[in-house]
N, C-alpha and C. Protein backbone atom coordinates (compact mmCIF):
# COMPACT_ATOMS: atom_id res chain seq x y z
N MET A 1 -31.28 -10.11 10.81
CA MET A 1 -29.94 -9.57 10.80
C MET A 1 -29.43 -9.40 9.38
N ALA A 2 -29.79 -10.29 8.50
CA ALA A 2 -29.38 -10.17 7.10
C ALA A 2 -30.02 -8.97 6.44
N ASP A 3 -31.28 -8.65 6.86
CA ASP A 3 -31.96 -7.49 6.29
C ASP A 3 -31.26 -6.19 6.68
N LYS A 4 -30.74 -6.15 7.89
CA LYS A 4 -30.05 -4.96 8.35
C LYS A 4 -28.81 -4.69 7.51
N LYS A 5 -28.07 -5.73 7.20
CA LYS A 5 -26.88 -5.56 6.37
C LYS A 5 -27.24 -5.19 4.94
N ALA A 6 -28.34 -5.68 4.45
CA ALA A 6 -28.76 -5.38 3.08
C ALA A 6 -29.18 -3.91 2.96
N ASN A 7 -29.73 -3.34 4.02
CA ASN A 7 -30.19 -1.96 3.97
C ASN A 7 -29.06 -0.95 4.17
N GLU A 8 -27.95 -1.36 4.72
CA GLU A 8 -26.83 -0.45 4.94
C GLU A 8 -26.13 -0.18 3.61
N LYS A 9 -25.80 1.08 3.41
CA LYS A 9 -25.07 1.44 2.19
C LYS A 9 -23.59 1.46 2.50
N ILE A 10 -22.83 1.03 1.54
CA ILE A 10 -21.38 1.00 1.71
C ILE A 10 -20.82 2.34 1.25
N ASP A 11 -20.06 2.99 2.12
CA ASP A 11 -19.39 4.24 1.78
C ASP A 11 -17.93 3.94 1.49
N PHE A 12 -17.52 4.26 0.28
CA PHE A 12 -16.13 4.04 -0.10
C PHE A 12 -15.29 5.21 0.38
N PRO A 13 -14.05 4.97 0.76
CA PRO A 13 -13.22 6.06 1.26
C PRO A 13 -12.82 7.06 0.18
N ILE A 14 -12.80 6.61 -1.07
CA ILE A 14 -12.44 7.49 -2.18
C ILE A 14 -13.62 7.53 -3.15
N TRP A 15 -14.06 8.72 -3.50
CA TRP A 15 -15.23 8.88 -4.37
C TRP A 15 -14.83 8.75 -5.83
N LYS A 16 -15.82 8.60 -6.67
CA LYS A 16 -15.61 8.40 -8.11
C LYS A 16 -14.87 9.60 -8.72
N ASP A 17 -15.23 10.80 -8.31
CA ASP A 17 -14.56 11.99 -8.84
C ASP A 17 -13.09 12.02 -8.47
N ASN A 18 -12.77 11.52 -7.29
CA ASN A 18 -11.38 11.51 -6.85
C ASN A 18 -10.52 10.65 -7.75
N TYR A 19 -11.08 9.55 -8.25
CA TYR A 19 -10.31 8.69 -9.14
C TYR A 19 -9.95 9.42 -10.43
N LYS A 20 -10.84 10.27 -10.90
CA LYS A 20 -10.55 11.07 -12.10
C LYS A 20 -9.38 12.01 -11.83
N TYR A 21 -9.38 12.63 -10.66
CA TYR A 21 -8.28 13.53 -10.30
C TYR A 21 -6.97 12.75 -10.12
N ILE A 22 -7.05 11.57 -9.56
CA ILE A 22 -5.85 10.75 -9.39
C ILE A 22 -5.27 10.38 -10.75
N LEU A 23 -6.12 10.01 -11.70
CA LEU A 23 -5.64 9.71 -13.05
C LEU A 23 -5.02 10.93 -13.71
N ALA A 24 -5.58 12.11 -13.47
CA ALA A 24 -4.99 13.34 -13.99
C ALA A 24 -3.61 13.56 -13.37
N GLY A 25 -3.46 13.27 -12.08
CA GLY A 25 -2.16 13.39 -11.42
C GLY A 25 -1.14 12.43 -11.98
N VAL A 26 -1.58 11.22 -12.30
CA VAL A 26 -0.67 10.25 -12.92
C VAL A 26 -0.24 10.76 -14.29
N GLY A 27 -1.16 11.39 -15.01
CA GLY A 27 -0.81 11.99 -16.30
C GLY A 27 0.23 13.09 -16.14
N ILE A 28 0.11 13.90 -15.09
CA ILE A 28 1.11 14.93 -14.82
C ILE A 28 2.47 14.29 -14.53
N LEU A 29 2.46 13.19 -13.77
CA LEU A 29 3.71 12.48 -13.49
C LEU A 29 4.36 11.97 -14.77
N VAL A 30 3.56 11.40 -15.65
CA VAL A 30 4.10 10.87 -16.91
C VAL A 30 4.71 12.00 -17.73
N ILE A 31 4.03 13.15 -17.78
CA ILE A 31 4.58 14.30 -18.50
C ILE A 31 5.91 14.73 -17.90
N GLY A 32 5.98 14.77 -16.58
CA GLY A 32 7.23 15.15 -15.91
C GLY A 32 8.37 14.20 -16.23
N PHE A 33 8.10 12.89 -16.22
CA PHE A 33 9.15 11.94 -16.53
C PHE A 33 9.53 11.98 -18.01
N LEU A 34 8.58 12.28 -18.88
CA LEU A 34 8.92 12.44 -20.29
C LEU A 34 9.78 13.68 -20.51
N LEU A 35 9.56 14.73 -19.72
CA LEU A 35 10.40 15.92 -19.82
C LEU A 35 11.84 15.63 -19.39
N MET A 36 12.03 14.67 -18.50
CA MET A 36 13.38 14.31 -18.05
C MET A 36 14.13 13.48 -19.09
N ALA A 37 13.42 12.84 -19.99
CA ALA A 37 14.05 11.92 -20.93
C ALA A 37 14.90 12.67 -21.95
N GLY A 38 15.86 11.95 -22.49
CA GLY A 38 16.69 12.50 -23.56
C GLY A 38 18.01 13.02 -23.07
N GLY A 39 18.73 13.70 -23.97
CA GLY A 39 20.03 14.25 -23.63
C GLY A 39 21.16 13.26 -23.74
N LYS A 40 20.87 12.11 -24.31
CA LYS A 40 21.89 11.07 -24.42
C LYS A 40 22.81 11.36 -25.60
N SER A 41 24.06 11.05 -25.42
CA SER A 41 25.03 11.23 -26.49
C SER A 41 25.08 9.97 -27.34
N THR A 42 25.24 10.16 -28.64
CA THR A 42 25.35 8.99 -29.52
C THR A 42 26.67 8.27 -29.36
N ASP A 43 27.69 9.01 -28.98
CA ASP A 43 29.02 8.43 -28.74
C ASP A 43 29.29 8.45 -27.24
N PRO A 44 29.55 7.27 -26.62
CA PRO A 44 29.76 7.26 -25.16
C PRO A 44 31.02 7.99 -24.71
N ASN A 45 31.93 8.28 -25.62
CA ASN A 45 33.17 8.98 -25.26
C ASN A 45 33.03 10.50 -25.36
N VAL A 46 31.89 10.97 -25.84
CA VAL A 46 31.67 12.41 -26.01
C VAL A 46 30.61 12.86 -25.02
N PHE A 47 30.93 13.93 -24.28
CA PHE A 47 29.98 14.47 -23.31
C PHE A 47 28.97 15.37 -24.02
N ASN A 48 27.70 15.20 -23.68
CA ASN A 48 26.65 16.03 -24.25
C ASN A 48 26.12 16.96 -23.16
N PRO A 49 26.41 18.25 -23.24
CA PRO A 49 25.95 19.18 -22.19
C PRO A 49 24.44 19.39 -22.18
N GLU A 50 23.74 18.87 -23.17
CA GLU A 50 22.29 19.02 -23.23
C GLU A 50 21.60 18.31 -22.07
N ILE A 51 22.28 17.36 -21.45
CA ILE A 51 21.70 16.64 -20.31
C ILE A 51 21.42 17.59 -19.14
N PHE A 52 22.14 18.71 -19.08
CA PHE A 52 21.96 19.67 -17.99
C PHE A 52 21.09 20.85 -18.41
N SER A 53 20.15 20.64 -19.29
CA SER A 53 19.29 21.73 -19.75
C SER A 53 18.28 22.10 -18.65
N PHE A 54 17.72 23.28 -18.79
CA PHE A 54 16.71 23.77 -17.83
C PHE A 54 15.53 22.80 -17.74
N ARG A 55 15.14 22.26 -18.88
CA ARG A 55 13.98 21.36 -18.91
C ARG A 55 14.21 20.12 -18.06
N ARG A 56 15.40 19.54 -18.13
CA ARG A 56 15.68 18.28 -17.42
C ARG A 56 16.05 18.50 -15.95
N ILE A 57 16.71 19.59 -15.65
CA ILE A 57 17.22 19.80 -14.29
C ILE A 57 16.21 20.56 -13.41
N THR A 58 15.43 21.45 -13.98
CA THR A 58 14.56 22.29 -13.17
C THR A 58 13.08 22.03 -13.43
N LEU A 59 12.66 22.12 -14.68
CA LEU A 59 11.24 22.04 -15.01
C LEU A 59 10.65 20.66 -14.72
N ALA A 60 11.32 19.61 -15.18
CA ALA A 60 10.77 18.25 -15.02
C ALA A 60 10.61 17.85 -13.55
N PRO A 61 11.60 18.08 -12.68
CA PRO A 61 11.37 17.74 -11.27
C PRO A 61 10.24 18.53 -10.61
N ILE A 62 10.08 19.79 -11.01
CA ILE A 62 8.98 20.58 -10.47
C ILE A 62 7.64 19.99 -10.91
N VAL A 63 7.55 19.57 -12.17
CA VAL A 63 6.32 18.98 -12.68
C VAL A 63 6.04 17.66 -11.96
N VAL A 64 7.07 16.84 -11.71
CA VAL A 64 6.88 15.56 -11.03
C VAL A 64 6.42 15.77 -9.59
N VAL A 65 7.06 16.68 -8.89
CA VAL A 65 6.65 16.96 -7.50
C VAL A 65 5.22 17.53 -7.49
N GLY A 66 4.91 18.39 -8.45
CA GLY A 66 3.55 18.91 -8.56
C GLY A 66 2.54 17.79 -8.81
N GLY A 67 2.93 16.80 -9.60
CA GLY A 67 2.05 15.65 -9.83
C GLY A 67 1.79 14.86 -8.57
N PHE A 68 2.85 14.64 -7.78
CA PHE A 68 2.67 13.92 -6.52
C PHE A 68 1.79 14.71 -5.55
N VAL A 69 1.99 16.01 -5.47
CA VAL A 69 1.17 16.85 -4.60
C VAL A 69 -0.29 16.81 -5.07
N PHE A 70 -0.50 16.84 -6.38
CA PHE A 70 -1.86 16.78 -6.93
C PHE A 70 -2.52 15.45 -6.59
N ILE A 71 -1.78 14.36 -6.67
CA ILE A 71 -2.34 13.04 -6.33
C ILE A 71 -2.69 12.97 -4.85
N ILE A 72 -1.83 13.50 -3.99
CA ILE A 72 -2.12 13.51 -2.56
C ILE A 72 -3.38 14.33 -2.29
N TRP A 73 -3.50 15.49 -2.96
CA TRP A 73 -4.70 16.31 -2.80
C TRP A 73 -5.93 15.55 -3.28
N ALA A 74 -5.81 14.83 -4.40
CA ALA A 74 -6.94 14.09 -4.95
C ALA A 74 -7.39 12.99 -4.01
N ILE A 75 -6.45 12.36 -3.33
CA ILE A 75 -6.81 11.30 -2.38
C ILE A 75 -7.49 11.90 -1.14
N MET A 76 -6.99 13.02 -0.67
CA MET A 76 -7.51 13.63 0.56
C MET A 76 -8.77 14.46 0.34
N ARG A 77 -9.08 14.78 -0.90
CA ARG A 77 -10.22 15.64 -1.23
C ARG A 77 -11.54 15.02 -0.79
N LYS A 78 -12.36 15.85 -0.15
CA LYS A 78 -13.69 15.40 0.24
C LYS A 78 -14.69 16.02 -0.72
N PRO A 79 -15.69 15.26 -1.13
CA PRO A 79 -16.69 15.82 -2.05
C PRO A 79 -17.56 16.83 -1.34
N LYS A 80 -18.19 17.68 -2.14
CA LYS A 80 -19.10 18.66 -1.56
C LYS A 80 -20.29 17.95 -0.95
N SER A 81 -20.92 18.57 0.03
CA SER A 81 -22.00 17.92 0.76
C SER A 81 -23.19 17.58 -0.14
N SER A 82 -23.48 18.41 -1.15
CA SER A 82 -24.61 18.11 -2.02
C SER A 82 -24.38 16.85 -2.83
N SER A 83 -23.14 16.63 -3.29
CA SER A 83 -22.87 15.42 -4.07
C SER A 83 -22.87 14.19 -3.18
N VAL A 84 -22.51 14.33 -1.91
CA VAL A 84 -22.55 13.20 -0.99
C VAL A 84 -23.99 12.80 -0.72
N GLU A 85 -24.86 13.78 -0.54
CA GLU A 85 -26.27 13.48 -0.30
C GLU A 85 -26.91 12.78 -1.49
N ASN A 86 -26.53 13.19 -2.70
CA ASN A 86 -27.10 12.57 -3.89
C ASN A 86 -26.63 11.14 -4.04
N LYS A 87 -25.41 10.84 -3.68
CA LYS A 87 -24.88 9.50 -3.82
C LYS A 87 -25.45 8.55 -2.76
N ASN A 88 -25.82 9.10 -1.62
CA ASN A 88 -26.36 8.26 -0.55
C ASN A 88 -27.83 7.96 -0.72
N GLU A 89 -28.48 8.58 -1.66
CA GLU A 89 -29.92 8.34 -1.86
C GLU A 89 -30.19 7.09 -2.65
């Protein structure tokens, strides 16, 4: 019975390539959050309209949502059949 378990190969639910894509998605998220940063006024009594710039209100949230979608795709992605066969050998 121990020999049977030793001969079985363990299949991980997420492949090595998927982890690379997930890290790329995290990088996209970081870029999106960095785009949101800034716009602070040096004086708390003075309003800085720069906080409502296109970059912070429109572009950054789109980049963040795109990062989350990319990460979900990376998790759900299945490798091509040829790469699966090579890994199982």
